[in-house]
């Protein structure tokens, strides 16, 4: 599997420039490709290559922004006609083009987002518009949530997430997300799982800063439909991991008489690159069946010596009265780009319906 930056290849630019030339006769294909590769293109990472493509494309587009947007629509239609990777991540520069050049032309830009997002998602590009236009932009996104196209509906939810990963945070929505709640209400029964998952992710963002709002929504939406229950469960995943009492009560997750025993770390010394191995037993000592949500927490040692807790889900299912189940788990300490491991004492605990067990120690070594 190649590097993500390599989606911007000579072959890509040749095919793309041909598609542009077919609808924009004055477009100079070779000059466009030569300009793309001027300077240190090969040293650029993916995002810089994408931004560079936006800047170069702008040099070959009409100066008038509405005319440029109309041409982008024609280019996209031609790409579709030629089956040239509909939805491919490479084409995110279309959304970036609107973000970079259309911030002062609200009307043209919002129409462009509706059109472009059907081809490549625009959730990153809409965020500067939310920051600049606030309620005016959110009102437009509420309309998008009623659109007949699922990609447009998803843009309403995904673009308005207060904490969208890899994007700028929307601080006024982190503080008070009330203005975007109508979007989520409109989409709570959406027929598209793609859209419903975005709604859940938006709720999970909100829960990190305003858990009370999400708890109210959970109560109001409960048993509305199977799909809506699924949105709530996924949208409350951070609250569940935090053992938030109200959400545990919402799902009837009680730890009373759910007994943990025989917890043992089989590898008290773990080498970086190997696995932490542990096992334990769970017994439902209640006289009736109980839903048991099992998780474990690893307290990772950080560079400054403190411990940072990360919770991992094991299962959530019904346990019959006096049902005893043995659980075995392996937690990887293989090197990955998103986590740096530090040697020393780490901790492990088991979490039963939000209640944390005793903490055991293990040592991570090189």
Protein backbone atom coordinates (compact mmCIF):
# COMPACT_ATOMS: atom_id res chain seq x y z
CA UNK A 1 0.00 0.00 0.00
CA UNK A 2 1.49 3.34 -1.09
CA UNK A 3 1.70 6.58 0.82
CA UNK A 4 -1.41 8.75 0.80
CA UNK A 5 0.53 11.64 -0.73
CA UNK A 6 1.21 9.51 -3.78
CA UNK A 7 -2.42 9.79 -4.92
CA UNK A 8 -1.09 13.02 -6.45
CA UNK A 9 0.93 11.38 -9.21
CA UNK A 10 1.88 12.29 -12.76
CA UNK A 11 -0.81 9.91 -13.99
CA UNK A 12 -3.42 11.62 -11.79
CA UNK A 13 -2.56 15.10 -13.04
CA UNK A 14 -2.51 13.96 -16.65
CA UNK A 15 -5.99 12.44 -16.39
CA UNK A 16 -7.31 15.39 -14.40
CA UNK A 17 -5.90 18.02 -16.77
CA UNK A 18 -7.41 16.18 -19.73
CA UNK A 19 -10.82 16.23 -18.01
CA UNK A 20 -10.46 19.97 -17.38
CA UNK A 21 -9.36 20.71 -20.95
CA UNK A 22 -12.43 18.95 -22.37
CA UNK A 23 -14.75 21.50 -20.70
CA UNK A 24 -12.37 24.49 -20.53
CA UNK A 25 -10.80 24.89 -24.00
CA UNK A 26 -8.37 27.65 -22.96
CA UNK A 27 -6.87 25.42 -20.25
CA UNK A 28 -3.23 24.61 -20.99
CA UNK A 29 -2.64 21.02 -19.84
CA UNK A 30 1.14 20.85 -20.01
CA UNK A 31 1.65 24.25 -18.42
CA UNK A 32 -0.64 23.17 -15.55
CA UNK A 33 1.36 19.96 -14.98
CA UNK A 34 4.68 21.81 -15.24
CA UNK A 35 3.49 24.35 -12.66
CA UNK A 36 2.37 21.58 -10.31
CA UNK A 37 5.86 20.07 -10.34
CA UNK A 38 7.78 23.32 -10.02
CA UNK A 39 9.88 23.64 -6.87
CA UNK A 40 9.90 21.00 -4.16
CA UNK A 41 6.69 19.11 -4.97
CA UNK A 42 8.23 15.70 -4.29
CA UNK A 43 9.15 16.77 -0.74
CA UNK A 44 5.59 17.88 0.08
CA UNK A 45 3.33 15.72 2.24
CA UNK A 46 -0.28 14.94 1.32
CA UNK A 47 -1.97 18.04 2.71
CA UNK A 48 0.66 20.36 1.26
CA UNK A 49 0.29 18.68 -2.14
CA UNK A 50 -3.47 19.13 -1.95
CA UNK A 51 -3.13 22.82 -1.01
CA UNK A 52 -0.53 23.31 -3.74
CA UNK A 53 -2.94 21.80 -6.28
CA UNK A 54 -5.62 24.27 -5.18
CA UNK A 55 -3.27 27.22 -5.62
CA UNK A 56 -2.06 26.08 -9.04
CA UNK A 57 -5.58 25.30 -10.26
CA UNK A 58 -6.66 28.80 -9.25
CA UNK A 59 -4.07 30.23 -11.65
CA UNK A 60 -5.77 28.44 -14.56
CA UNK A 61 -9.39 29.15 -13.59
CA UNK A 62 -11.57 32.20 -14.36
CA UNK A 63 -10.80 35.11 -12.01
CA UNK A 64 -14.51 35.59 -11.37
CA UNK A 65 -15.39 33.24 -8.49
CA UNK A 66 -18.95 32.34 -9.62
CA UNK A 67 -17.58 31.51 -13.07
CA UNK A 68 -14.88 29.34 -11.51
CA UNK A 69 -17.47 27.47 -9.42
CA UNK A 70 -19.62 26.90 -12.50
CA UNK A 71 -16.56 25.48 -14.24
CA UNK A 72 -15.82 23.18 -11.29
CA UNK A 73 -19.34 21.77 -11.67
CA UNK A 74 -18.63 21.06 -15.34
CA UNK A 75 -15.29 19.46 -14.51
CA UNK A 76 -16.92 17.18 -11.92
CA UNK A 77 -19.62 16.14 -14.38
CA UNK A 78 -16.93 15.30 -16.92
CA UNK A 79 -14.96 13.32 -14.32
CA UNK A 80 -18.10 11.33 -13.53
CA UNK A 81 -18.82 10.76 -17.21
CA UNK A 82 -15.33 9.34 -17.64
CA UNK A 83 -15.61 7.27 -14.42
CA UNK A 84 -12.55 9.01 -13.00
CA UNK A 85 -12.61 8.04 -9.29
CA UNK A 86 -15.83 9.53 -8.03
CA UNK A 87 -15.34 10.42 -4.38
CA UNK A 88 -11.58 9.89 -4.46
CA UNK A 89 -9.82 11.74 -1.66
CA UNK A 90 -7.53 13.40 -4.22
CA UNK A 91 -10.36 15.67 -5.34
CA UNK A 92 -10.73 17.35 -1.94
CA UNK A 93 -9.00 20.34 -3.53
CA UNK A 94 -12.37 21.25 -5.06
CA UNK A 95 -13.74 21.92 -1.58
CA UNK A 96 -10.47 23.59 -0.62
CA UNK A 97 -10.82 25.87 -3.67
CA UNK A 98 -14.13 27.20 -2.32
CA UNK A 99 -12.67 27.59 1.17
CA UNK A 100 -9.66 29.54 -0.10
CA UNK A 101 -11.42 31.73 -2.66
CA UNK A 102 -15.07 32.00 -1.69
CA UNK A 103 -15.17 33.11 1.95
CA UNK A 104 -16.44 36.57 0.96
CA UNK A 105 -19.07 35.21 -1.44
CA UNK A 106 -21.48 33.40 0.85
CA UNK A 107 -24.28 32.71 -1.63
CA UNK A 108 -22.06 31.23 -4.34
CA UNK A 109 -20.03 29.20 -1.86
CA UNK A 110 -22.95 27.49 -0.09
CA UNK A 111 -24.37 26.44 -3.47
CA UNK A 112 -20.93 25.16 -4.43
CA UNK A 113 -20.69 23.08 -1.25
CA UNK A 114 -24.03 21.41 -2.01
CA UNK A 115 -22.85 20.53 -5.49
CA UNK A 116 -19.26 19.49 -4.67
CA UNK A 117 -20.06 17.41 -1.57
CA UNK A 118 -22.02 14.98 -3.74
CA UNK A 119 -18.67 14.17 -5.35
CA UNK A 120 -16.15 14.74 -2.53
CA UNK A 121 -16.96 15.67 1.06
CA UNK A 122 -16.66 19.31 2.11
CA UNK A 123 -16.78 19.03 5.94
CA UNK A 124 -13.38 20.67 6.42
CA UNK A 125 -14.03 23.50 3.98
CA UNK A 126 -17.30 24.66 5.56
CA UNK A 127 -15.76 25.38 8.95
CA UNK A 128 -14.26 28.82 8.19
CA UNK A 129 -17.75 29.78 6.94
CA UNK A 130 -19.27 28.72 10.28
CA UNK A 131 -16.69 30.82 12.11
CA UNK A 132 -17.29 33.88 9.91
CA UNK A 133 -21.05 33.73 9.37
CA UNK A 134 -22.13 31.78 12.49
CA UNK A 135 -25.95 31.57 12.61
CA UNK A 136 -26.33 32.46 8.94
CA UNK A 137 -24.21 29.47 7.94
CA UNK A 138 -25.82 27.16 10.49
CA UNK A 139 -29.27 28.11 9.17
CA UNK A 140 -28.06 27.06 5.72
CA UNK A 141 -26.80 23.75 7.15
CA UNK A 142 -30.18 23.13 8.79
CA UNK A 143 -31.66 23.34 5.29
CA UNK A 144 -29.00 20.88 4.09
CA UNK A 145 -30.16 18.42 6.75
CA UNK A 146 -33.48 18.21 4.87
CA UNK A 147 -31.87 17.69 1.45
CA UNK A 148 -32.76 14.64 -0.64
CA UNK A 149 -29.09 13.72 -1.14
CA UNK A 150 -27.44 11.80 1.76
CA UNK A 151 -24.03 13.39 1.10
CA UNK A 152 -25.53 16.85 1.60
CA UNK A 153 -27.37 15.74 4.74
CA UNK A 154 -24.16 14.26 6.12
CA UNK A 155 -22.32 17.51 5.38
CA UNK A 156 -24.80 19.30 7.65
CA UNK A 157 -23.95 17.01 10.55
CA UNK A 158 -20.26 16.31 9.92
CA UNK A 159 -19.35 19.88 9.03
CA UNK A 160 -20.98 21.24 12.19
CA UNK A 161 -19.19 18.89 14.61
CA UNK A 162 -17.69 21.02 17.39
CA UNK A 163 -14.53 18.85 17.51
CA UNK A 164 -14.16 17.42 14.00
CA UNK A 165 -10.83 15.49 13.96
CA UNK A 166 -8.01 16.96 11.83
CA UNK A 167 -10.02 20.19 11.47
CA UNK A 168 -10.21 23.51 13.27
CA UNK A 169 -12.41 23.36 16.38
CA UNK A 170 -15.53 25.53 16.47
CA UNK A 171 -15.13 27.04 19.94
CA UNK A 172 -18.51 28.75 20.15
CA UNK A 173 -20.19 25.40 19.39
CA UNK A 174 -18.02 23.65 22.00
CA UNK A 175 -19.29 26.21 24.50
CA UNK A 176 -22.94 26.12 23.39
CA UNK A 177 -24.07 23.66 20.68
CA UNK A 178 -27.74 24.65 20.90
CA UNK A 179 -27.80 26.17 17.41
CA UNK A 180 -26.83 22.89 15.70
CA UNK A 181 -29.27 20.65 17.59
CA UNK A 182 -32.02 21.13 14.93
CA UNK A 183 -29.64 19.51 12.42
CA UNK A 184 -29.35 16.43 14.61
CA UNK A 185 -33.10 16.34 15.26
CA UNK A 186 -33.77 16.37 11.52
CA UNK A 187 -31.35 13.48 10.97
CA UNK A 188 -32.14 11.21 13.92
CA UNK A 189 -34.19 8.87 11.70
CA UNK A 190 -32.14 9.26 8.55
CA UNK A 191 -32.38 6.22 6.24
CA UNK A 192 -28.64 6.37 5.54
CA UNK A 193 -26.28 4.70 8.04
CA UNK A 194 -23.56 6.97 6.64
CA UNK A 195 -25.57 9.98 7.86
CA UNK A 196 -26.63 8.42 11.19
CA UNK A 197 -23.01 7.63 12.08
CA UNK A 198 -22.15 11.29 11.52
CA UNK A 199 -24.99 12.31 13.85
CA UNK A 200 -23.59 9.96 16.50
CA UNK A 201 -20.11 11.42 16.07
CA UNK A 202 -21.51 14.94 16.43
CA UNK A 203 -23.27 13.92 19.65
CA UNK A 204 -20.07 12.36 20.95
CA UNK A 205 -18.27 15.65 20.28
CA UNK A 206 -20.96 17.55 22.18
CA UNK A 207 -20.79 15.08 25.09
CA UNK A 208 -17.14 15.95 25.72
CA UNK A 209 -18.05 19.55 26.60
CA UNK A 210 -21.79 19.43 27.36
CA UNK A 211 -22.73 15.96 28.68
CA UNK A 212 -26.01 17.24 30.10
CA UNK A 213 -27.29 18.19 26.64
CA UNK A 214 -26.53 14.74 25.24
CA UNK A 215 -28.15 13.05 28.25
CA UNK A 216 -31.30 15.08 27.62
CA UNK A 217 -31.28 14.05 23.96
CA UNK A 218 -30.71 10.41 24.94
CA UNK A 219 -33.74 10.53 27.21
CA UNK A 220 -35.90 12.25 24.59
CA UNK A 221 -34.89 9.92 21.74
CA UNK A 222 -35.02 6.67 23.74
CA UNK A 223 -37.01 3.91 22.01
CA UNK A 224 -37.90 6.26 19.14
CA UNK A 225 -36.58 3.66 16.69
CA UNK A 226 -33.89 1.01 16.52
CA UNK A 227 -31.78 3.32 14.36
CA UNK A 228 -32.13 6.23 16.77
CA UNK A 229 -31.19 4.00 19.70
CA UNK A 230 -28.08 3.05 17.75
CA UNK A 231 -27.19 6.72 17.24
CA UNK A 232 -27.51 7.38 20.97
CA UNK A 233 -25.40 4.37 21.93
CA UNK A 234 -22.60 5.38 19.58
CA UNK A 235 -22.99 9.05 20.46
CA UNK A 236 -22.64 8.31 24.18
CA UNK A 237 -19.52 6.15 23.86
CA UNK A 238 -17.29 8.72 25.58
CA UNK A 239 -19.76 9.09 28.46
CA UNK A 240 -19.93 5.30 28.78
CA UNK A 241 -16.13 5.05 28.84
CA UNK A 242 -16.05 7.76 31.50
CA UNK A 243 -18.56 5.79 33.59
CA UNK A 244 -20.97 8.72 33.63
CA UNK A 245 -23.66 7.73 36.20
CA UNK A 246 -26.66 9.07 34.26
CA UNK A 247 -25.82 7.29 31.01
CA UNK A 248 -25.08 4.07 32.91
CA UNK A 249 -28.52 4.39 34.51
CA UNK A 250 -30.04 5.15 31.08
CA UNK A 251 -28.85 1.73 29.90
CA UNK A 252 -29.56 -0.08 33.19
CA UNK A 253 -25.89 -0.80 33.74
CA UNK A 254 -25.48 -1.59 37.43
CA UNK A 255 -22.40 -3.21 38.92
CA UNK A 256 -24.01 -4.51 42.11
CA UNK A 257 -23.43 -8.27 42.58
CA UNK A 258 -21.39 -8.54 39.39
CA UNK A 259 -18.28 -10.20 40.80
CA UNK A 260 -14.76 -9.90 39.42
CA UNK A 261 -12.31 -12.64 40.39
CA UNK A 262 -8.99 -14.25 39.40
CA UNK A 263 -7.63 -11.09 37.78
CA UNK A 264 -4.06 -11.85 36.80
CA UNK A 265 -1.47 -10.23 34.57
CA UNK A 266 0.30 -13.14 32.85
CA UNK A 267 3.09 -10.89 31.52
CA UNK A 268 4.08 -8.57 34.40
CA UNK A 269 7.07 -7.46 32.32
CA UNK A 270 6.28 -6.51 28.72
CA UNK A 271 8.73 -5.58 26.01
CA UNK A 272 7.85 -2.80 23.59
CA UNK A 273 6.66 -4.66 20.50
CA UNK A 274 5.01 -7.48 22.50
CA UNK A 275 1.63 -7.95 24.17
CA UNK A 276 0.32 -7.44 27.68
CA UNK A 277 -1.57 -10.66 28.50
CA UNK A 278 -4.16 -10.83 31.28
CA UNK A 279 -7.23 -12.82 32.29
CA UNK A 280 -10.09 -12.64 34.82
CA UNK A 281 -13.52 -14.10 35.61
CA UNK A 282 -16.94 -12.45 35.81
CA UNK A 283 -19.89 -13.90 37.71
CA UNK A 284 -23.43 -12.50 37.77
CA UNK A 285 -24.46 -13.16 41.39
CA UNK A 286 -27.88 -11.56 40.91
CA UNK A 287 -31.06 -13.63 40.80
CA UNK A 288 -31.96 -12.19 37.39
CA UNK A 289 -30.15 -11.67 34.12
CA UNK A 290 -28.08 -8.49 33.94
CA UNK A 291 -26.52 -6.51 31.13
CA UNK A 292 -22.79 -6.35 31.74
CA UNK A 293 -20.55 -3.85 29.96
CA UNK A 294 -16.94 -4.95 30.32
CA UNK A 295 -13.98 -2.67 29.68
CA UNK A 296 -10.40 -2.43 30.76
CA UNK A 297 -8.23 0.61 31.33
CA UNK A 298 -4.54 0.90 30.60
CA UNK A 299 -2.74 3.70 32.40
CA UNK A 300 0.09 4.57 30.03
CA UNK A 301 3.22 6.19 31.44
CA UNK A 302 3.85 9.49 29.66
CA UNK A 303 7.03 11.40 28.91
CA UNK A 304 6.72 13.59 32.02
CA UNK A 305 6.20 10.56 34.26
CA UNK A 306 2.45 10.85 34.85
CA UNK A 307 -0.07 8.17 33.88
CA UNK A 308 -2.76 8.70 31.22
CA UNK A 309 -5.82 6.45 31.23
CA UNK A 310 -7.25 4.92 28.04
CA UNK A 311 -10.34 2.70 28.14
CA UNK A 312 -10.90 -0.27 25.82
CA UNK A 313 -14.24 -2.03 25.44
CA UNK A 314 -14.36 -5.83 25.75
CA UNK A 315 -18.07 -6.63 25.41
CA UNK A 316 -21.60 -5.70 26.40
CA UNK A 317 -24.08 -8.56 26.74
CA UNK A 318 -26.56 -10.28 29.04
CA UNK A 319 -25.27 -12.55 31.79
CA UNK A 320 -27.65 -15.12 33.19
CA UNK A 321 -27.94 -15.62 37.00
CA UNK A 322 -24.74 -17.22 38.37
CA UNK A 323 -23.19 -17.30 34.92
CA UNK A 324 -19.40 -17.43 35.22
CA UNK A 325 -17.31 -16.39 32.22
CA UNK A 326 -13.53 -16.34 31.87
CA UNK A 327 -12.07 -13.50 29.82
CA UNK A 328 -8.59 -13.43 28.28
CA UNK A 329 -7.12 -10.41 26.51
CA UNK A 330 -3.91 -9.34 24.78
CA UNK A 331 -3.11 -5.62 24.65
CA UNK A 332 -0.62 -4.68 21.95
CA UNK A 333 2.48 -2.62 22.64
CA UNK A 334 3.64 -2.79 19.03
CA UNK A 335 5.05 0.50 17.78
CA UNK A 336 2.53 2.59 15.83
CA UNK A 337 2.70 6.14 14.50
CA UNK A 338 -0.17 7.42 16.70
CA UNK A 339 1.28 6.36 20.07
CA UNK A 340 4.68 6.71 21.71
CA UNK A 341 5.45 4.21 24.47
CA UNK A 342 7.57 5.07 27.51
CA UNK A 343 9.25 2.44 29.63
CA UNK A 344 8.42 2.06 33.30
CA UNK A 345 5.49 1.11 35.50
CA UNK A 346 2.05 1.08 33.85
CA UNK A 347 -1.32 0.17 35.38
CA UNK A 348 -4.25 -2.05 34.38
CA UNK A 349 -7.79 -2.18 35.73
CA UNK A 350 -11.09 -3.86 34.81
CA UNK A 351 -14.27 -1.78 34.53
CA UNK A 352 -17.68 -3.41 35.12
CA UNK A 353 -20.68 -1.27 34.18
CA UNK A 354 -18.64 1.86 34.82
CA UNK A 355 -17.20 0.73 38.16
CA UNK A 356 -13.45 0.33 38.17
CA UNK A 357 -11.69 -2.55 39.92
CA UNK A 358 -8.42 -2.56 41.81
CA UNK A 359 -5.42 -1.44 39.79
CA UNK A 360 -2.58 -3.85 38.98
CA UNK A 361 0.91 -2.87 37.88
CA UNK A 362 3.07 -4.11 35.03
CA UNK A 363 6.39 -2.90 33.68
CA UNK A 364 7.14 -1.92 30.10
CA UNK A 365 10.75 -2.36 28.99
CA UNK A 366 12.78 -1.98 25.81
